[in-house]
Amino acid sequence: MEADEPALIIYNMKSIIIRNGLVITSDQSSLQDVVVSEGKISAVGQPGSLTSPEAEIIDATGKYIFPGGVDPHVHLALPTPAGPSCDDFYSGSLAAIAGGTTCFMDFVTPHRNQSLPEALNQRRAEADSSVTEYALHLGISG
């Protein structure tokens, strides 16, 4: 290893219990405890119901807990006069998840005289390569 190269540091990831936070999901919110093991959510339970003698405890009283970020405005595989944007749904979703974004919303832009259902189905086929959840919304053009 060169003297100016950073050393590779490997951490032993212990469990974390996030206590008493308001967990926000797509369909509800409730006070919960959340256990994170190996960087992933491994358990969710009523406040005080989850224990581990070796876990780091984080008090989230009065705070929100989101399982991942949502990016409501992306342009993946966007056709432009110069060619498609640099990220397709696969590479863009990999980049998103690396930064903690677990869901994004992209556009369906029909071509002139293309039906909305046809444009939506075409975009869904393009989006099938995403490794995260996604949503699509229609842009209506004349």
Protein backbone atom coordinates (compact mmCIF):
# COMPACT_ATOMS: atom_id res chain seq x y z
CA MET A 1 0.00 0.00 0.00
CA GLU A 2 1.30 3.46 -0.94
CA ALA A 3 1.79 5.94 1.89
CA ASP A 4 -0.91 8.29 0.57
CA GLU A 5 -3.50 5.56 -0.07
CA PRO A 6 -6.30 5.39 2.49
CA ALA A 7 -6.32 2.26 4.64
CA LEU A 8 -9.22 -0.14 4.22
CA ILE A 9 -11.15 -0.14 7.47
CA ILE A 10 -13.64 -2.92 8.15
CA TYR A 11 -16.11 -2.33 10.92
CA ASN A 12 -17.87 -5.04 12.86
CA MET A 13 -21.43 -3.78 12.55
CA LYS A 14 -23.24 -4.28 15.81
CA SER A 15 -26.99 -4.01 16.11
CA ILE A 16 -28.67 -0.69 16.70
CA ILE A 17 -32.04 -0.27 18.39
CA ILE A 18 -33.81 2.97 17.56
CA ARG A 19 -36.35 3.51 20.34
CA ASN A 20 -39.64 5.42 20.48
CA GLY A 21 -39.55 6.98 17.02
CA LEU A 22 -42.55 7.68 14.83
CA VAL A 23 -42.08 5.13 12.01
CA ILE A 24 -43.44 6.43 8.73
CA THR A 25 -44.41 3.92 6.02
CA SER A 26 -46.42 4.29 2.84
CA ASP A 27 -49.71 3.53 4.60
CA GLN A 28 -49.33 4.34 8.30
CA SER A 29 -47.31 5.95 11.06
CA SER A 30 -46.88 4.64 14.60
CA LEU A 31 -44.52 4.77 17.56
CA GLN A 32 -42.15 1.82 17.19
CA ASP A 33 -38.71 0.51 18.04
CA VAL A 34 -36.57 -0.49 15.07
CA VAL A 35 -33.62 -2.90 15.10
CA VAL A 36 -30.92 -2.45 12.46
CA SER A 37 -28.49 -5.37 12.03
CA GLU A 38 -25.79 -5.58 9.40
CA GLY A 39 -27.06 -2.30 7.96
CA LYS A 40 -30.60 -3.59 7.38
CA ILE A 41 -33.86 -3.30 9.30
CA SER A 42 -34.23 -6.67 11.01
CA ALA A 43 -37.14 -6.09 13.38
CA VAL A 44 -39.84 -3.57 14.24
CA GLY A 45 -41.85 -3.74 17.45
CA GLN A 46 -43.78 -1.87 20.07
CA PRO A 47 -41.67 0.59 22.12
CA GLY A 48 -39.66 -1.29 24.75
CA SER A 49 -40.39 -4.73 23.30
CA LEU A 50 -37.05 -5.27 21.51
CA THR A 51 -33.87 -5.82 23.46
CA SER A 52 -30.27 -6.84 22.84
CA PRO A 53 -27.51 -6.56 25.44
CA GLU A 54 -24.91 -5.64 22.82
CA ALA A 55 -26.98 -3.20 20.75
CA GLU A 56 -26.34 0.50 20.62
CA ILE A 57 -29.51 2.34 21.72
CA ILE A 58 -30.62 5.52 19.97
CA ASP A 59 -33.46 7.49 21.54
CA ALA A 60 -35.68 8.80 18.74
CA THR A 61 -38.39 10.27 20.97
CA GLY A 62 -40.04 13.12 19.09
CA LYS A 63 -38.34 12.15 15.82
CA TYR A 64 -39.46 10.50 12.58
CA ILE A 65 -38.01 7.23 11.29
CA PHE A 66 -38.16 6.60 7.54
CA PRO A 67 -37.14 3.20 6.18
CA GLY A 68 -35.59 4.95 3.16
CA GLY A 69 -35.63 8.14 1.19
CA VAL A 70 -38.03 8.92 -1.64
CA ASP A 71 -36.89 10.97 -4.64
CA PRO A 72 -40.06 12.35 -6.26
CA HIS A 73 -38.38 13.76 -9.37
CA VAL A 74 -35.97 11.74 -11.51
CA HIS A 75 -35.33 11.41 -15.24
CA LEU A 76 -34.01 7.92 -15.98
CA ALA A 77 -33.49 6.74 -19.55
CA LEU A 78 -34.81 10.15 -20.61
CA PRO A 79 -34.80 10.52 -24.39
CA THR A 80 -33.21 13.79 -25.50
CA PRO A 81 -32.07 15.09 -28.90
CA ALA A 82 -28.48 14.24 -27.83
CA GLY A 83 -29.42 10.70 -26.80
CA PRO A 84 -30.82 9.16 -23.61
CA SER A 85 -29.80 10.47 -20.19
CA CYS A 86 -26.76 8.77 -18.70
CA ASP A 87 -28.62 6.56 -16.21
CA ASP A 88 -31.17 3.93 -17.10
CA PHE A 89 -33.50 2.43 -14.50
CA TYR A 90 -30.95 -0.19 -13.42
CA SER A 91 -27.91 2.07 -12.96
CA GLY A 92 -30.00 4.94 -11.60
CA SER A 93 -31.70 2.75 -9.01
CA LEU A 94 -28.32 1.30 -7.94
CA ALA A 95 -27.03 4.83 -7.43
CA ALA A 96 -30.18 5.79 -5.54
CA ILE A 97 -30.03 2.87 -3.14
CA ALA A 98 -26.32 3.46 -2.49
CA GLY A 99 -27.35 6.86 -1.13
CA GLY A 100 -30.30 5.60 0.94
CA THR A 101 -33.06 6.36 -1.57
CA THR A 102 -35.33 3.33 -1.72
CA CYS A 103 -38.05 4.67 -3.99
CA PHE A 104 -38.20 7.23 -6.79
CA MET A 105 -40.76 8.74 -9.12
CA ASP A 106 -40.10 9.08 -12.84
CA PHE A 107 -42.05 10.45 -15.77
CA VAL A 108 -44.07 8.91 -18.57
CA THR A 109 -43.96 11.30 -21.50
CA PRO A 110 -46.01 10.03 -24.44
CA HIS A 111 -44.82 10.71 -27.97
CA ARG A 112 -47.09 12.84 -30.11
CA ASN A 113 -50.27 10.84 -30.90
CA GLN A 114 -49.25 7.98 -28.56
CA SER A 115 -52.00 6.81 -26.21
CA LEU A 116 -51.46 7.23 -22.48
CA PRO A 117 -51.89 3.48 -21.73
CA GLU A 118 -49.40 2.57 -24.46
CA ALA A 119 -46.84 5.09 -23.14
CA LEU A 120 -47.35 3.87 -19.58
CA ASN A 121 -46.88 0.22 -20.54
CA GLN A 122 -43.74 1.06 -22.50
CA ARG A 123 -42.28 2.99 -19.55
CA ARG A 124 -43.16 0.18 -17.13
CA ALA A 125 -41.20 -2.24 -19.33
CA GLU A 126 -38.19 0.10 -19.18
CA ALA A 127 -38.53 0.44 -15.41
CA ASP A 128 -38.59 -3.34 -14.80
CA SER A 129 -34.80 -3.31 -14.41
CA SER A 130 -35.00 -1.09 -11.31
CA VAL A 131 -33.65 -2.64 -8.10
CA THR A 132 -35.76 -0.31 -5.94
CA GLU A 133 -39.42 0.54 -5.77
CA TYR A 134 -40.60 3.20 -8.17
CA ALA A 135 -43.66 5.13 -9.20
CA LEU A 136 -44.50 6.70 -12.54
CA HIS A 137 -46.60 9.73 -13.35
CA LEU A 138 -47.90 10.84 -16.69
CA GLY A 139 -46.97 13.99 -18.51
CA ILE A 140 -49.75 14.86 -20.90
CA SER A 141 -48.60 16.51 -24.10
CA GLY A 142 -50.59 17.64 -27.08
